[in-house]
Amino acid sequence: MKITKSVIAMNDYGAIKTNLKEVLDNKNISRYELSKAVNTRFEVITKWYNNEVEKMDLDVLARICYVLDCEPSDIIKYEKR
């Protein structure tokens, strides 16, 4: 396969966004409740909730999906620029 694209700047490739706020709001679950159920710090869930995650911890994502009975694609989205 020949690569026809390359990355020069963030505007070229877009970004991954978290959608946890909408999922929690729809399920009427608080960040505090989720942090306890997932067994992680409230601050970690708040970063996911506010779309402030810089590096995704796949274990945390798996635990969130397990507790919320959802798929990773319900929580993270790729947005092209």
PDB file of N, CA and C in Angstrom:
ATOM      1  N   MET A   1       0.839  -1.175   0.000  1.00  0.00           N
ATOM      2  CA  MET A   1       0.000   0.000   0.000  1.00  0.00           C
ATOM      3  C   MET A   1       0.881   1.234   0.000  1.00  0.00           C
ATOM      4  N   LYS A   2       0.588   2.149  -0.854  1.00  0.00           N
ATOM      5  CA  LYS A   2       1.338   3.405  -0.921  1.00  0.00           C
ATOM      6  C   LYS A   2       0.640   4.462  -0.066  1.00  0.00           C
ATOM      7  N   ILE A   3       1.400   5.123   0.794  1.00  0.00           N
ATOM      8  CA  ILE A   3       0.854   6.184   1.642  1.00  0.00           C
ATOM      9  C   ILE A   3       0.788   7.463   0.829  1.00  0.00           C
ATOM     10  N   THR A   4      -0.399   8.067   0.803  1.00  0.00           N
ATOM     11  CA  THR A   4      -0.588   9.282   0.011  1.00  0.00           C
ATOM     12  C   THR A   4      -0.812  10.519   0.867  1.00  0.00           C
ATOM     13  N   LYS A   5      -0.874  10.338   2.191  1.00  0.00           N
ATOM     14  CA  LYS A   5      -1.080  11.460   3.100  1.00  0.00           C
ATOM     15  C   LYS A   5       0.077  11.532   4.077  1.00  0.00           C
ATOM     16  N   SER A   6       0.348  12.725   4.563  1.00  0.00           N
ATOM     17  CA  SER A   6       1.315  12.893   5.643  1.00  0.00           C
ATOM     18  C   SER A   6       0.808  13.995   6.566  1.00  0.00           C
ATOM     19  N   VAL A   7       1.330  14.002   7.775  1.00  0.00           N
ATOM     20  CA  VAL A   7       0.899  14.956   8.782  1.00  0.00           C
ATOM     21  C   VAL A   7       1.930  16.065   8.894  1.00  0.00           C
ATOM     22  N   ILE A   8       1.453  17.282   8.738  1.00  0.00           N
ATOM     23  CA  ILE A   8       2.326  18.440   8.906  1.00  0.00           C
ATOM     24  C   ILE A   8       1.895  19.248  10.125  1.00  0.00           C
ATOM     25  N   ALA A   9       0.585  19.420  10.298  1.00  0.00           N
ATOM     26  CA  ALA A   9       0.052  20.174  11.423  1.00  0.00           C
ATOM     27  C   ALA A   9      -1.254  19.549  11.884  1.00  0.00           C
ATOM     28  N   MET A  10      -1.667  19.849  13.132  1.00  0.00           N
ATOM     29  CA  MET A  10      -2.893  19.283  13.674  1.00  0.00           C
ATOM     30  C   MET A  10      -4.089  19.575  12.779  1.00  0.00           C
ATOM     31  N   ASN A  11      -4.103  20.715  12.134  1.00  0.00           N
ATOM     32  CA  ASN A  11      -5.208  21.050  11.243  1.00  0.00           C
ATOM     33  C   ASN A  11      -5.322  20.062  10.096  1.00  0.00           C
ATOM     34  N   ASP A  12      -4.258  19.339   9.807  1.00  0.00           N
ATOM     35  CA  ASP A  12      -4.276  18.359   8.724  1.00  0.00           C
ATOM     36  C   ASP A  12      -5.038  17.092   9.100  1.00  0.00           C
ATOM     37  N   TYR A  13      -4.941  16.677  10.357  1.00  0.00           N
ATOM     38  CA  TYR A  13      -5.452  15.354  10.695  1.00  0.00           C
ATOM     39  C   TYR A  13      -6.638  15.318  11.644  1.00  0.00           C
ATOM     40  N   GLY A  14      -7.007  16.375  12.296  1.00  0.00           N
ATOM     41  CA  GLY A  14      -8.164  16.378  13.184  1.00  0.00           C
ATOM     42  C   GLY A  14      -7.809  15.996  14.600  1.00  0.00           C
ATOM     43  N   ALA A  15      -8.815  15.469  15.328  1.00  0.00           N
ATOM     44  CA  ALA A  15      -8.609  15.167  16.746  1.00  0.00           C
ATOM     45  C   ALA A  15      -9.582  14.093  17.214  1.00  0.00           C
ATOM     46  N   ILE A  16      -9.199  13.423  18.282  1.00  0.00           N
ATOM     47  CA  ILE A  16     -10.084  12.489  18.973  1.00  0.00           C
ATOM     48  C   ILE A  16     -10.791  13.271  20.078  1.00  0.00           C
ATOM     49  N   LYS A  17     -12.104  13.147  20.150  1.00  0.00           N
ATOM     50  CA  LYS A  17     -12.903  13.853  21.155  1.00  0.00           C
ATOM     51  C   LYS A  17     -13.612  12.836  22.037  1.00  0.00           C
ATOM     52  N   THR A  18     -13.763  13.188  23.308  1.00  0.00           N
ATOM     53  CA  THR A  18     -14.523  12.322  24.208  1.00  0.00           C
ATOM     54  C   THR A  18     -15.951  12.830  24.316  1.00  0.00           C
ATOM     55  N   ASN A  19     -16.853  11.895  24.497  1.00  0.00           N
ATOM     56  CA  ASN A  19     -18.280  12.173  24.522  1.00  0.00           C
ATOM     57  C   ASN A  19     -18.910  11.686  25.824  1.00  0.00           C
ATOM     58  N   LEU A  20     -18.120  11.573  26.873  1.00  0.00           N
ATOM     59  CA  LEU A  20     -18.607  10.988  28.119  1.00  0.00           C
ATOM     60  C   LEU A  20     -19.699  11.834  28.760  1.00  0.00           C
ATOM     61  N   LYS A  21     -19.616  13.140  28.649  1.00  0.00           N
ATOM     62  CA  LYS A  21     -20.634  14.019  29.241  1.00  0.00           C
ATOM     63  C   LYS A  21     -22.020  13.658  28.720  1.00  0.00           C
ATOM     64  N   GLU A  22     -22.155  13.534  27.420  1.00  0.00           N
ATOM     65  CA  GLU A  22     -23.455  13.209  26.824  1.00  0.00           C
ATOM     66  C   GLU A  22     -23.937  11.828  27.266  1.00  0.00           C
ATOM     67  N   VAL A  23     -23.040  10.854  27.302  1.00  0.00           N
ATOM     68  CA  VAL A  23     -23.411   9.493  27.713  1.00  0.00           C
ATOM     69  C   VAL A  23     -23.891   9.490  29.163  1.00  0.00           C
ATOM     70  N   LEU A  24     -23.157  10.152  30.051  1.00  0.00           N
ATOM     71  CA  LEU A  24     -23.558  10.192  31.462  1.00  0.00           C
ATOM     72  C   LEU A  24     -24.861  10.955  31.648  1.00  0.00           C
ATOM     73  N   ASP A  25     -25.007  12.070  30.944  1.00  0.00           N
ATOM     74  CA  ASP A  25     -26.246  12.853  31.048  1.00  0.00           C
ATOM     75  C   ASP A  25     -27.450  12.029  30.594  1.00  0.00           C
ATOM     76  N   ASN A  26     -27.290  11.289  29.504  1.00  0.00           N
ATOM     77  CA  ASN A  26     -28.389  10.458  28.999  1.00  0.00           C
ATOM     78  C   ASN A  26     -28.749   9.331  29.946  1.00  0.00           C
ATOM     79  N   LYS A  27     -27.758   8.815  30.681  1.00  0.00           N
ATOM     80  CA  LYS A  27     -28.003   7.709  31.614  1.00  0.00           C
ATOM     81  C   LYS A  27     -28.271   8.205  33.035  1.00  0.00           C
ATOM     82  N   ASN A  28     -28.233   9.536  33.219  1.00  0.00           N
ATOM     83  CA  ASN A  28     -28.464  10.155  34.526  1.00  0.00           C
ATOM     84  C   ASN A  28     -27.522   9.586  35.589  1.00  0.00           C
ATOM     85  N   ILE A  29     -26.232   9.536  35.233  1.00  0.00           N
ATOM     86  CA  ILE A  29     -25.184   9.055  36.134  1.00  0.00           C
ATOM     87  C   ILE A  29     -24.214  10.201  36.388  1.00  0.00           C
ATOM     88  N   SER A  30     -23.824  10.400  37.629  1.00  0.00           N
ATOM     89  CA  SER A  30     -22.891  11.480  37.955  1.00  0.00           C
ATOM     90  C   SER A  30     -21.445  11.016  37.748  1.00  0.00           C
ATOM     91  N   ARG A  31     -20.557  11.973  37.628  1.00  0.00           N
ATOM     92  CA  ARG A  31     -19.131  11.658  37.533  1.00  0.00           C
ATOM     93  C   ARG A  31     -18.654  10.946  38.787  1.00  0.00           C
ATOM     94  N   TYR A  32     -19.164  11.360  39.935  1.00  0.00           N
ATOM     95  CA  TYR A  32     -18.782  10.723  41.194  1.00  0.00           C
ATOM     96  C   TYR A  32     -19.198   9.249  41.207  1.00  0.00           C
ATOM     97  N   GLU A  33     -20.440   8.977  40.807  1.00  0.00           N
ATOM     98  CA  GLU A  33     -20.916   7.592  40.770  1.00  0.00           C
ATOM     99  C   GLU A  33     -20.064   6.752  39.827  1.00  0.00           C
ATOM    100  N   LEU A  34     -19.759   7.307  38.648  1.00  0.00           N
ATOM    101  CA  LEU A  34     -18.947   6.571  37.685  1.00  0.00           C
ATOM    102  C   LEU A  34     -17.542   6.330  38.223  1.00  0.00           C
ATOM    103  N   SER A  35     -16.948   7.337  38.844  1.00  0.00           N
ATOM    104  CA  SER A  35     -15.579   7.161  39.363  1.00  0.00           C
ATOM    105  C   SER A  35     -15.530   6.047  40.402  1.00  0.00           C
ATOM    106  N   LYS A  36     -16.555   5.937  41.237  1.00  0.00           N
ATOM    107  CA  LYS A  36     -16.593   4.866  42.241  1.00  0.00           C
ATOM    108  C   LYS A  36     -16.788   3.506  41.570  1.00  0.00           C
ATOM    109  N   ALA A  37     -17.691   3.443  40.595  1.00  0.00           N
ATOM    110  CA  ALA A  37     -17.974   2.170  39.928  1.00  0.00           C
ATOM    111  C   ALA A  37     -16.795   1.690  39.091  1.00  0.00           C
ATOM    112  N   VAL A  38     -16.065   2.624  38.500  1.00  0.00           N
ATOM    113  CA  VAL A  38     -14.919   2.298  37.643  1.00  0.00           C
ATOM    114  C   VAL A  38     -13.657   2.067  38.480  1.00  0.00           C
ATOM    115  N   ASN A  39     -13.695   2.517  39.744  1.00  0.00           N
ATOM    116  CA  ASN A  39     -12.560   2.393  40.653  1.00  0.00           C
ATOM    117  C   ASN A  39     -11.366   3.215  40.166  1.00  0.00           C
ATOM    118  N   THR A  40     -11.659   4.484  39.889  1.00  0.00           N
ATOM    119  CA  THR A  40     -10.604   5.424  39.510  1.00  0.00           C
ATOM    120  C   THR A  40     -10.893   6.767  40.165  1.00  0.00           C
ATOM    121  N   ARG A  41      -9.919   7.642  40.128  1.00  0.00           N
ATOM    122  CA  ARG A  41     -10.075   8.956  40.754  1.00  0.00           C
ATOM    123  C   ARG A  41     -11.117   9.804  40.027  1.00  0.00           C
ATOM    124  N   PHE A  42     -11.813  10.633  40.787  1.00  0.00           N
ATOM    125  CA  PHE A  42     -12.814  11.556  40.239  1.00  0.00           C
ATOM    126  C   PHE A  42     -12.186  12.454  39.176  1.00  0.00           C
ATOM    127  N   GLU A  43     -10.946  12.877  39.410  1.00  0.00           N
ATOM    128  CA  GLU A  43     -10.264  13.778  38.470  1.00  0.00           C
ATOM    129  C   GLU A  43     -10.070  13.122  37.102  1.00  0.00           C
ATOM    130  N   VAL A  44      -9.852  11.822  37.091  1.00  0.00           N
ATOM    131  CA  VAL A  44      -9.690  11.099  35.818  1.00  0.00           C
ATOM    132  C   VAL A  44     -11.000  11.133  35.040  1.00  0.00           C
ATOM    133  N   ILE A  45     -12.104  10.841  35.711  1.00  0.00           N
ATOM    134  CA  ILE A  45     -13.414  10.866  35.050  1.00  0.00           C
ATOM    135  C   ILE A  45     -13.750  12.285  34.604  1.00  0.00           C
ATOM    136  N   THR A  46     -13.391  13.275  35.387  1.00  0.00           N
ATOM    137  CA  THR A  46     -13.655  14.670  35.020  1.00  0.00           C
ATOM    138  C   THR A  46     -12.914  15.042  33.743  1.00  0.00           C
ATOM    139  N   LYS A  47     -11.684  14.567  33.571  1.00  0.00           N
ATOM    140  CA  LYS A  47     -10.957  14.836  32.326  1.00  0.00           C
ATOM    141  C   LYS A  47     -11.670  14.214  31.136  1.00  0.00           C
ATOM    142  N   TRP A  48     -12.152  12.994  31.285  1.00  0.00           N
ATOM    143  CA  TRP A  48     -12.924  12.348  30.214  1.00  0.00           C
ATOM    144  C   TRP A  48     -14.208  13.128  29.966  1.00  0.00           C
ATOM    145  N   TYR A  49     -14.872  13.538  31.023  1.00  0.00           N
ATOM    146  CA  TYR A  49     -16.151  14.257  30.953  1.00  0.00           C
ATOM    147  C   TYR A  49     -15.986  15.605  30.239  1.00  0.00           C
ATOM    148  N   ASN A  50     -14.903  16.302  30.524  1.00  0.00           N
ATOM    149  CA  ASN A  50     -14.657  17.633  29.955  1.00  0.00           C
ATOM    150  C   ASN A  50     -13.851  17.610  28.660  1.00  0.00           C
ATOM    151  N   ASN A  51     -13.622  16.428  28.104  1.00  0.00           N
ATOM    152  CA  ASN A  51     -12.846  16.287  26.871  1.00  0.00           C
ATOM    153  C   ASN A  51     -11.444  16.879  27.030  1.00  0.00           C
ATOM    154  N   GLU A  52     -10.800  16.565  28.131  1.00  0.00           N
ATOM    155  CA  GLU A  52      -9.460  17.070  28.434  1.00  0.00           C
ATOM    156  C   GLU A  52      -8.426  15.946  28.520  1.00  0.00           C
ATOM    157  N   VAL A  53      -8.756  14.770  28.015  1.00  0.00           N
ATOM    158  CA  VAL A  53      -7.839  13.636  28.057  1.00  0.00           C
ATOM    159  C   VAL A  53      -6.726  13.872  27.043  1.00  0.00           C
ATOM    160  N   GLU A  54      -5.483  13.810  27.496  1.00  0.00           N
ATOM    161  CA  GLU A  54      -4.346  13.990  26.592  1.00  0.00           C
ATOM    162  C   GLU A  54      -3.825  12.653  26.085  1.00  0.00           C
ATOM    163  N   LYS A  55      -3.797  11.672  26.971  1.00  0.00           N
ATOM    164  CA  LYS A  55      -3.369  10.320  26.606  1.00  0.00           C
ATOM    165  C   LYS A  55      -4.397   9.351  27.147  1.00  0.00           C
ATOM    166  N   MET A  56      -4.966   8.548  26.265  1.00  0.00           N
ATOM    167  CA  MET A  56      -6.022   7.636  26.680  1.00  0.00           C
ATOM    168  C   MET A  56      -5.448   6.385  27.329  1.00  0.00           C
ATOM    169  N   ASP A  57      -5.963   6.079  28.485  1.00  0.00           N
ATOM    170  CA  ASP A  57      -5.642   4.850  29.185  1.00  0.00           C
ATOM    171  C   ASP A  57      -6.703   3.833  28.763  1.00  0.00           C
ATOM    172  N   LEU A  58      -6.316   2.839  27.979  1.00  0.00           N
ATOM    173  CA  LEU A  58      -7.271   1.883  27.445  1.00  0.00           C
ATOM    174  C   LEU A  58      -7.921   1.050  28.535  1.00  0.00           C
ATOM    175  N   ASP A  59      -7.237   0.854  29.644  1.00  0.00           N
ATOM    176  CA  ASP A  59      -7.834   0.128  30.760  1.00  0.00           C
ATOM    177  C   ASP A  59      -8.981   0.938  31.351  1.00  0.00           C
ATOM    178  N   VAL A  60      -8.790   2.233  31.517  1.00  0.00           N
ATOM    179  CA  VAL A  60      -9.865   3.096  32.025  1.00  0.00           C
ATOM    180  C   VAL A  60     -11.027   3.092  31.039  1.00  0.00           C
ATOM    181  N   LEU A  61     -10.743   3.199  29.757  1.00  0.00           N
ATOM    182  CA  LEU A  61     -11.802   3.158  28.745  1.00  0.00           C
ATOM    183  C   LEU A  61     -12.580   1.844  28.816  1.00  0.00           C
ATOM    184  N   ALA A  62     -11.881   0.734  28.971  1.00  0.00           N
ATOM    185  CA  ALA A  62     -12.548  -0.565  29.075  1.00  0.00           C
ATOM    186  C   ALA A  62     -13.442  -0.632  30.308  1.00  0.00           C
ATOM    187  N   ARG A  63     -12.958  -0.109  31.424  1.00  0.00           N
ATOM    188  CA  ARG A  63     -13.767  -0.122  32.653  1.00  0.00           C
ATOM    189  C   ARG A  63     -15.004   0.761  32.509  1.00  0.00           C
ATOM    190  N   ILE A  64     -14.845   1.935  31.883  1.00  0.00           N
ATOM    191  CA  ILE A  64     -15.985   2.820  31.646  1.00  0.00           C
ATOM    192  C   ILE A  64     -17.019   2.112  30.767  1.00  0.00           C
ATOM    193  N   CYS A  65     -16.562   1.495  29.700  1.00  0.00           N
ATOM    194  CA  CYS A  65     -17.483   0.790  28.797  1.00  0.00           C
ATOM    195  C   CYS A  65     -18.195  -0.353  29.512  1.00  0.00           C
ATOM    196  N   TYR A  66     -17.478  -1.076  30.348  1.00  0.00           N
ATOM    197  CA  TYR A  66     -18.077  -2.182  31.102  1.00  0.00           C
ATOM    198  C   TYR A  66     -19.172  -1.666  32.033  1.00  0.00           C
ATOM    199  N   VAL A  67     -18.861  -0.631  32.793  1.00  0.00           N
ATOM    200  CA  VAL A  67     -19.815  -0.104  33.766  1.00  0.00           C
ATOM    201  C   VAL A  67     -21.028   0.521  33.068  1.00  0.00           C
ATOM    202  N   LEU A  68     -20.804   1.235  31.966  1.00  0.00           N
ATOM    203  CA  LEU A  68     -21.907   1.908  31.270  1.00  0.00           C
ATOM    204  C   LEU A  68     -22.587   1.016  30.239  1.00  0.00           C
ATOM    205  N   ASP A  69     -22.066  -0.200  30.061  1.00  0.00           N
ATOM    206  CA  ASP A  69     -22.607  -1.135  29.075  1.00  0.00           C
ATOM    207  C   ASP A  69     -22.696  -0.469  27.696  1.00  0.00           C
ATOM    208  N   CYS A  70     -21.537   0.019  27.235  1.00  0.00           N
ATOM    209  CA  CYS A  70     -21.486   0.695  25.950  1.00  0.00           C
ATOM    210  C   CYS A  70     -20.224   0.297  25.195  1.00  0.00           C
ATOM    211  N   GLU A  71     -20.066   0.822  24.015  1.00  0.00           N
ATOM    212  CA  GLU A  71     -18.904   0.564  23.176  1.00  0.00           C
ATOM    213  C   GLU A  71     -17.951   1.751  23.239  1.00  0.00           C
ATOM    214  N   PRO A  72     -16.661   1.549  22.975  1.00  0.00           N
ATOM    215  CA  PRO A  72     -15.725   2.683  22.940  1.00  0.00           C
ATOM    216  C   PRO A  72     -16.179   3.783  21.966  1.00  0.00           C
ATOM    217  N   SER A  73     -16.809   3.389  20.871  1.00  0.00           N
ATOM    218  CA  SER A  73     -17.265   4.378  19.893  1.00  0.00           C
ATOM    219  C   SER A  73     -18.400   5.255  20.425  1.00  0.00           C
ATOM    220  N   ASP A  74     -19.024   4.850  21.538  1.00  0.00           N
ATOM    221  CA  ASP A  74     -20.021   5.703  22.184  1.00  0.00           C
ATOM    222  C   ASP A  74     -19.357   6.809  22.993  1.00  0.00           C
ATOM    223  N   ILE A  75     -18.089   6.618  23.319  1.00  0.00           N
ATOM    224  CA  ILE A  75     -17.380   7.550  24.211  1.00  0.00           C
ATOM    225  C   ILE A  75     -16.341   8.391  23.483  1.00  0.00           C
ATOM    226  N   ILE A  76     -15.723   7.831  22.462  1.00  0.00           N
ATOM    227  CA  ILE A  76     -14.696   8.578  21.717  1.00  0.00           C
ATOM    228  C   ILE A  76     -15.081   8.686  20.248  1.00  0.00           C
ATOM    229  N   LYS A  77     -14.768   9.831  19.673  1.00  0.00           N
ATOM    230  CA  LYS A  77     -15.089  10.117  18.266  1.00  0.00           C
ATOM    231  C   LYS A  77     -13.866  10.747  17.602  1.00  0.00           C
ATOM    232  N   TYR A  78     -13.710  10.443  16.326  1.00  0.00           N
ATOM    233  CA  TYR A  78     -12.671  11.087  15.532  1.00  0.00           C
ATOM    234  C   TYR A  78     -13.318  12.188  14.702  1.00  0.00           C
ATOM    235  N   GLU A  79     -12.801  13.411  14.844  1.00  0.00           N
ATOM    236  CA  GLU A  79     -13.317  14.555  14.087  1.00  0.00           C
ATOM    237  C   GLU A  79     -12.258  15.032  13.118  1.00  0.00           C
ATOM    238  N   LYS A  80     -12.568  14.936  11.838  1.00  0.00           N
ATOM    239  CA  LYS A  80     -11.655  15.434  10.801  1.00  0.00           C
ATOM    240  C   LYS A  80     -11.694  16.950  10.781  1.00  0.00           C
ATOM    241  N   ARG A  81     -10.609  17.536  10.349  1.00  0.00           N
ATOM    242  CA  ARG A  81     -10.551  19.006  10.222  1.00  0.00           C
ATOM    243  C   ARG A  81     -10.843  19.411   8.815  1.00  0.00           C
TER     244      ARG A  81
END
